[in-house]
Amino acid sequence: MSASAMDVSRFGTERPGFETDSENWPPNVKAAHQKPSPTSAHLGLALLAVNRDGGIVEMAFNADDKLCNKWGGIQGGNVAAMLDDAMAFAIGLNLDWGQISPTLELKVSMLAPARPGRLYAVGQVVRRGRSVGFVEGQLYDGAGQLLATGSSTANFVTLKKREKK
């Protein structure tokens, strides 16, 4: 592992501030973990640990060949979707039940080719206001090499209950 590589072996491990038992996660994160979106399932998302007070999530993706471009690398849109998931889960840690956080803006920088296999992501809230939040994310390969970084702006929206007809 190079000096600049992340130690991804610690992702999902018990340590101060991080909760790995999904039963103790915030209700909205727990619900999204138990029933992932079709896109998250397609990406192979596995939520590993959350740090609610720090606004941090750690997750893995089991990226298979279905996510690749014709040159064998994970297609850039799929890399962006992985980072979007990491950042969305991070901002979701402290939402009220019934709130969602649609992404208003997303920037992704590809630093190295992502290949099929187990990939790791971390999302962290940078700043949370009343109606908007700012989040950052990083995507790593199994050796801890940084593959991509992202930043996003999310808007907080409270869903209205549907009226029965």
C-alpha atoms as a PDB file:
ATOM      1  CA  MET A   1       0.000   0.000   0.000  1.00  0.00           C
ATOM      2  CA  SER A   2       1.445   3.365  -0.961  1.00  0.00           C
ATOM      3  CA  ALA A   3       1.785   6.172   1.571  1.00  0.00           C
ATOM      4  CA  SER A   4      -1.152   8.000  -0.010  1.00  0.00           C
ATOM      5  CA  ALA A   5      -3.479   4.978  -0.081  1.00  0.00           C
ATOM      6  CA  MET A   6      -6.474   4.675   2.236  1.00  0.00           C
ATOM      7  CA  ASP A   7      -6.622   1.705   4.609  1.00  0.00           C
ATOM      8  CA  VAL A   8      -9.962   0.368   3.368  1.00  0.00           C
ATOM      9  CA  SER A   9      -9.672  -2.672   5.652  1.00  0.00           C
ATOM     10  CA  ARG A  10     -10.938  -0.477   8.499  1.00  0.00           C
ATOM     11  CA  PHE A  11     -14.170   0.340   6.640  1.00  0.00           C
ATOM     12  CA  GLY A  12     -17.081  -1.275   8.423  1.00  0.00           C
ATOM     13  CA  THR A  13     -15.111  -2.057  11.591  1.00  0.00           C
ATOM     14  CA  GLU A  14     -16.045  -1.150  15.157  1.00  0.00           C
ATOM     15  CA  ARG A  15     -14.257   2.016  16.279  1.00  0.00           C
ATOM     16  CA  PRO A  16     -15.210   5.161  18.186  1.00  0.00           C
ATOM     17  CA  GLY A  17     -18.086   7.029  16.586  1.00  0.00           C
ATOM     18  CA  PHE A  18     -18.865   4.389  13.931  1.00  0.00           C
ATOM     19  CA  GLU A  19     -21.890   2.114  14.141  1.00  0.00           C
ATOM     20  CA  THR A  20     -21.817  -1.099  12.123  1.00  0.00           C
ATOM     21  CA  ASP A  21     -25.036  -2.671  13.423  1.00  0.00           C
ATOM     22  CA  SER A  22     -27.789  -1.619  11.025  1.00  0.00           C
ATOM     23  CA  GLU A  23     -30.358  -1.950  13.817  1.00  0.00           C
ATOM     24  CA  ASN A  24     -28.805   1.152  15.413  1.00  0.00           C
ATOM     25  CA  TRP A  25     -28.713   3.296  12.267  1.00  0.00           C
ATOM     26  CA  PRO A  26     -31.065   6.268  11.775  1.00  0.00           C
ATOM     27  CA  PRO A  27     -34.511   5.052  10.589  1.00  0.00           C
ATOM     28  CA  ASN A  28     -34.303   6.512   7.068  1.00  0.00           C
ATOM     29  CA  VAL A  29     -30.790   5.094   6.486  1.00  0.00           C
ATOM     30  CA  LYS A  30     -31.844   1.741   7.905  1.00  0.00           C
ATOM     31  CA  ALA A  31     -34.866   1.679   5.573  1.00  0.00           C
ATOM     32  CA  ALA A  32     -32.742   2.544   2.508  1.00  0.00           C
ATOM     33  CA  HIS A  33     -30.224  -0.129   3.529  1.00  0.00           C
ATOM     34  CA  GLN A  34     -32.912  -2.792   3.926  1.00  0.00           C
ATOM     35  CA  LYS A  35     -34.580  -1.953   0.616  1.00  0.00           C
ATOM     36  CA  PRO A  36     -32.040  -0.299  -1.695  1.00  0.00           C
ATOM     37  CA  SER A  37     -33.090   1.538  -4.812  1.00  0.00           C
ATOM     38  CA  PRO A  38     -32.847  -0.487  -8.032  1.00  0.00           C
ATOM     39  CA  THR A  39     -29.818   1.595  -9.053  1.00  0.00           C
ATOM     40  CA  SER A  40     -28.021   1.026  -5.744  1.00  0.00           C
ATOM     41  CA  ALA A  41     -28.720  -2.702  -6.012  1.00  0.00           C
ATOM     42  CA  HIS A  42     -27.413  -2.702  -9.600  1.00  0.00           C
ATOM     43  CA  LEU A  43     -24.199  -1.037  -8.368  1.00  0.00           C
ATOM     44  CA  GLY A  44     -23.827  -3.711  -5.668  1.00  0.00           C
ATOM     45  CA  LEU A  45     -24.133  -1.280  -2.738  1.00  0.00           C
ATOM     46  CA  ALA A  46     -23.392  -2.571   0.769  1.00  0.00           C
ATOM     47  CA  LEU A  47     -23.565  -0.019   3.589  1.00  0.00           C
ATOM     48  CA  LEU A  48     -20.818  -0.849   6.111  1.00  0.00           C
ATOM     49  CA  ALA A  49     -20.772   1.774   8.873  1.00  0.00           C
ATOM     50  CA  VAL A  50     -22.202   5.141   9.808  1.00  0.00           C
ATOM     51  CA  ASN A  51     -20.988   7.929  12.049  1.00  0.00           C
ATOM     52  CA  ARG A  52     -24.106   9.995  12.608  1.00  0.00           C
ATOM     53  CA  ASP A  53     -22.427  12.730  14.672  1.00  0.00           C
ATOM     54  CA  GLY A  54     -19.600  13.087  12.138  1.00  0.00           C
ATOM     55  CA  GLY A  55     -21.934  12.877   9.124  1.00  0.00           C
ATOM     56  CA  ILE A  56     -19.855  10.046   7.651  1.00  0.00           C
ATOM     57  CA  VAL A  57     -20.826   6.817   5.900  1.00  0.00           C
ATOM     58  CA  GLU A  58     -18.635   3.967   4.697  1.00  0.00           C
ATOM     59  CA  MET A  59     -19.876   1.626   2.011  1.00  0.00           C
ATOM     60  CA  ALA A  60     -18.701  -0.906  -0.524  1.00  0.00           C
ATOM     61  CA  PHE A  61     -19.809  -1.708  -4.046  1.00  0.00           C
ATOM     62  CA  ASN A  62     -19.509  -5.128  -5.619  1.00  0.00           C
ATOM     63  CA  ALA A  63     -18.822  -3.788  -9.084  1.00  0.00           C
ATOM     64  CA  ASP A  64     -19.174  -6.411 -11.780  1.00  0.00           C
ATOM     65  CA  ASP A  65     -18.660  -6.451 -15.530  1.00  0.00           C
ATOM     66  CA  LYS A  66     -22.194  -5.096 -16.152  1.00  0.00           C
ATOM     67  CA  LEU A  67     -20.907  -1.688 -14.998  1.00  0.00           C
ATOM     68  CA  CYS A  68     -18.016  -1.570 -17.483  1.00  0.00           C
ATOM     69  CA  ASN A  69     -17.425   0.294 -20.692  1.00  0.00           C
ATOM     70  CA  LYS A  70     -16.095  -1.612 -23.696  1.00  0.00           C
ATOM     71  CA  TRP A  71     -12.497  -1.110 -22.497  1.00  0.00           C
ATOM     72  CA  GLY A  72     -13.091  -2.954 -19.233  1.00  0.00           C
ATOM     73  CA  GLY A  73     -13.239  -0.008 -16.846  1.00  0.00           C
ATOM     74  CA  ILE A  74     -16.224   0.969 -14.744  1.00  0.00           C
ATOM     75  CA  GLN A  75     -18.149   3.483 -16.871  1.00  0.00           C
ATOM     76  CA  GLY A  76     -17.830   7.020 -15.521  1.00  0.00           C
ATOM     77  CA  GLY A  77     -21.557   7.454 -14.965  1.00  0.00           C
ATOM     78  CA  ASN A  78     -21.512   4.415 -12.681  1.00  0.00           C
ATOM     79  CA  VAL A  79     -18.555   5.850 -10.751  1.00  0.00           C
ATOM     80  CA  ALA A  80     -20.522   9.086 -10.352  1.00  0.00           C
ATOM     81  CA  ALA A  81     -23.579   7.115  -9.194  1.00  0.00           C
ATOM     82  CA  MET A  82     -21.483   5.344  -6.540  1.00  0.00           C
ATOM     83  CA  LEU A  83     -20.216   8.659  -5.213  1.00  0.00           C
ATOM     84  CA  ASP A  84     -23.742  10.101  -5.376  1.00  0.00           C
ATOM     85  CA  ASP A  85     -24.950   7.181  -3.213  1.00  0.00           C
ATOM     86  CA  ALA A  86     -22.160   7.728  -0.663  1.00  0.00           C
ATOM     87  CA  MET A  87     -22.879  11.432  -0.413  1.00  0.00           C
ATOM     88  CA  ALA A  88     -26.668  10.931  -0.311  1.00  0.00           C
ATOM     89  CA  PHE A  89     -26.400   8.438   2.552  1.00  0.00           C
ATOM     90  CA  ALA A  90     -24.102  10.824   4.439  1.00  0.00           C
ATOM     91  CA  ILE A  91     -26.489  13.773   4.159  1.00  0.00           C
ATOM     92  CA  GLY A  92     -29.367  11.416   4.982  1.00  0.00           C
ATOM     93  CA  LEU A  93     -27.932  10.527   8.388  1.00  0.00           C
ATOM     94  CA  ASN A  94     -29.539  13.519  10.048  1.00  0.00           C
ATOM     95  CA  LEU A  95     -32.694  14.064   8.017  1.00  0.00           C
ATOM     96  CA  ASP A  96     -36.059  13.896   9.697  1.00  0.00           C
ATOM     97  CA  TRP A  97     -38.308  10.960   8.864  1.00  0.00           C
ATOM     98  CA  GLY A  98     -40.206  11.851   5.691  1.00  0.00           C
ATOM     99  CA  GLN A  99     -37.477  14.114   4.338  1.00  0.00           C
ATOM    100  CA  ILE A 100     -35.420  13.410   1.247  1.00  0.00           C
ATOM    101  CA  SER A 101     -32.313  15.143  -0.084  1.00  0.00           C
ATOM    102  CA  PRO A 102     -32.336  15.401  -3.877  1.00  0.00           C
ATOM    103  CA  THR A 103     -28.995  16.250  -5.430  1.00  0.00           C
ATOM    104  CA  LEU A 104     -28.976  19.763  -6.868  1.00  0.00           C
ATOM    105  CA  GLU A 105     -25.423  19.700  -8.184  1.00  0.00           C
ATOM    106  CA  LEU A 106     -22.790  16.957  -8.547  1.00  0.00           C
ATOM    107  CA  LYS A 107     -19.125  17.222  -9.497  1.00  0.00           C
ATOM    108  CA  VAL A 108     -16.940  14.150  -9.968  1.00  0.00           C
ATOM    109  CA  SER A 109     -13.227  13.980 -10.706  1.00  0.00           C
ATOM    110  CA  MET A 110     -11.911  10.690 -12.100  1.00  0.00           C
ATOM    111  CA  LEU A 111      -8.359  10.145 -10.852  1.00  0.00           C
ATOM    112  CA  ALA A 112      -7.663   6.540 -11.910  1.00  0.00           C
ATOM    113  CA  PRO A 113      -9.588   3.851 -13.798  1.00  0.00           C
ATOM    114  CA  ALA A 114     -12.054   1.906 -11.670  1.00  0.00           C
ATOM    115  CA  ARG A 115     -12.054  -1.821 -12.413  1.00  0.00           C
ATOM    116  CA  PRO A 116     -14.566  -4.544 -11.527  1.00  0.00           C
ATOM    117  CA  GLY A 117     -14.307  -5.879  -7.990  1.00  0.00           C
ATOM    118  CA  ARG A 118     -14.939  -4.591  -4.494  1.00  0.00           C
ATOM    119  CA  LEU A 119     -14.801  -0.798  -4.388  1.00  0.00           C
ATOM    120  CA  TYR A 120     -15.085   1.335  -1.249  1.00  0.00           C
ATOM    121  CA  ALA A 121     -16.641   4.741  -0.771  1.00  0.00           C
ATOM    122  CA  VAL A 122     -16.850   7.265   2.000  1.00  0.00           C
ATOM    123  CA  GLY A 123     -19.271  10.163   2.104  1.00  0.00           C
ATOM    124  CA  GLN A 124     -19.009  13.051   4.552  1.00  0.00           C
ATOM    125  CA  VAL A 125     -21.137  16.088   5.245  1.00  0.00           C
ATOM    126  CA  VAL A 126     -19.084  19.267   4.932  1.00  0.00           C
ATOM    127  CA  ARG A 127     -21.825  21.668   5.987  1.00  0.00           C
ATOM    128  CA  ARG A 128     -25.518  21.371   6.668  1.00  0.00           C
ATOM    129  CA  GLY A 129     -27.848  24.325   6.636  1.00  0.00           C
ATOM    130  CA  ARG A 130     -31.614  24.485   7.113  1.00  0.00           C
ATOM    131  CA  SER A 131     -32.514  23.752   3.511  1.00  0.00           C
ATOM    132  CA  VAL A 132     -29.235  22.851   1.754  1.00  0.00           C
ATOM    133  CA  GLY A 133     -26.292  20.575   2.546  1.00  0.00           C
ATOM    134  CA  PHE A 134     -22.794  20.233   1.109  1.00  0.00           C
ATOM    135  CA  VAL A 135     -21.184  16.795   0.914  1.00  0.00           C
ATOM    136  CA  GLU A 136     -17.943  15.222  -0.304  1.00  0.00           C
ATOM    137  CA  GLY A 137     -17.110  11.657  -1.272  1.00  0.00           C
ATOM    138  CA  GLN A 138     -14.195   9.470  -2.271  1.00  0.00           C
ATOM    139  CA  LEU A 139     -14.091   6.123  -4.098  1.00  0.00           C
ATOM    140  CA  TYR A 140     -11.241   3.627  -3.566  1.00  0.00           C
ATOM    141  CA  ASP A 141     -10.241   0.252  -4.954  1.00  0.00           C
ATOM    142  CA  GLY A 142      -9.473  -2.760  -2.739  1.00  0.00           C
ATOM    143  CA  ALA A 143      -5.839  -1.677  -2.382  1.00  0.00           C
ATOM    144  CA  GLY A 144      -6.923   1.735  -1.105  1.00  0.00           C
ATOM    145  CA  GLN A 145      -6.006   3.666  -4.261  1.00  0.00           C
ATOM    146  CA  LEU A 146      -8.123   6.794  -4.663  1.00  0.00           C
ATOM    147  CA  LEU A 147     -10.086   6.411  -7.898  1.00  0.00           C
ATOM    148  CA  ALA A 148     -12.481   9.355  -7.841  1.00  0.00           C
ATOM    149  CA  THR A 149     -13.649  12.236  -5.693  1.00  0.00           C
ATOM    150  CA  GLY A 150     -16.933  14.046  -5.684  1.00  0.00           C
ATOM    151  CA  SER A 151     -18.798  16.929  -4.157  1.00  0.00           C
ATOM    152  CA  SER A 152     -22.477  17.643  -4.171  1.00  0.00           C
ATOM    153  CA  THR A 153     -25.112  20.054  -3.014  1.00  0.00           C
ATOM    154  CA  ALA A 154     -28.366  18.600  -1.730  1.00  0.00           C
ATOM    155  CA  ASN A 155     -31.715  20.222  -1.057  1.00  0.00           C
ATOM    156  CA  PHE A 156     -33.920  19.084   1.860  1.00  0.00           C
ATOM    157  CA  VAL A 157     -37.504  18.320   0.941  1.00  0.00           C
ATOM    158  CA  THR A 158     -40.271  17.081   3.223  1.00  0.00           C
ATOM    159  CA  LEU A 159     -42.560  14.663   1.466  1.00  0.00           C
ATOM    160  CA  LYS A 160     -46.273  15.271   1.757  1.00  0.00           C
ATOM    161  CA  LYS A 161     -48.542  12.433   2.765  1.00  0.00           C
ATOM    162  CA  ARG A 162     -50.765  11.235  -0.016  1.00  0.00           C
ATOM    163  CA  GLU A 163     -54.413  11.832   0.533  1.00  0.00           C
ATOM    164  CA  LYS A 164     -56.570   8.731   0.353  1.00  0.00           C
ATOM    165  CA  LYS A 165     -59.103   8.749  -2.452  1.00  0.00           C
END
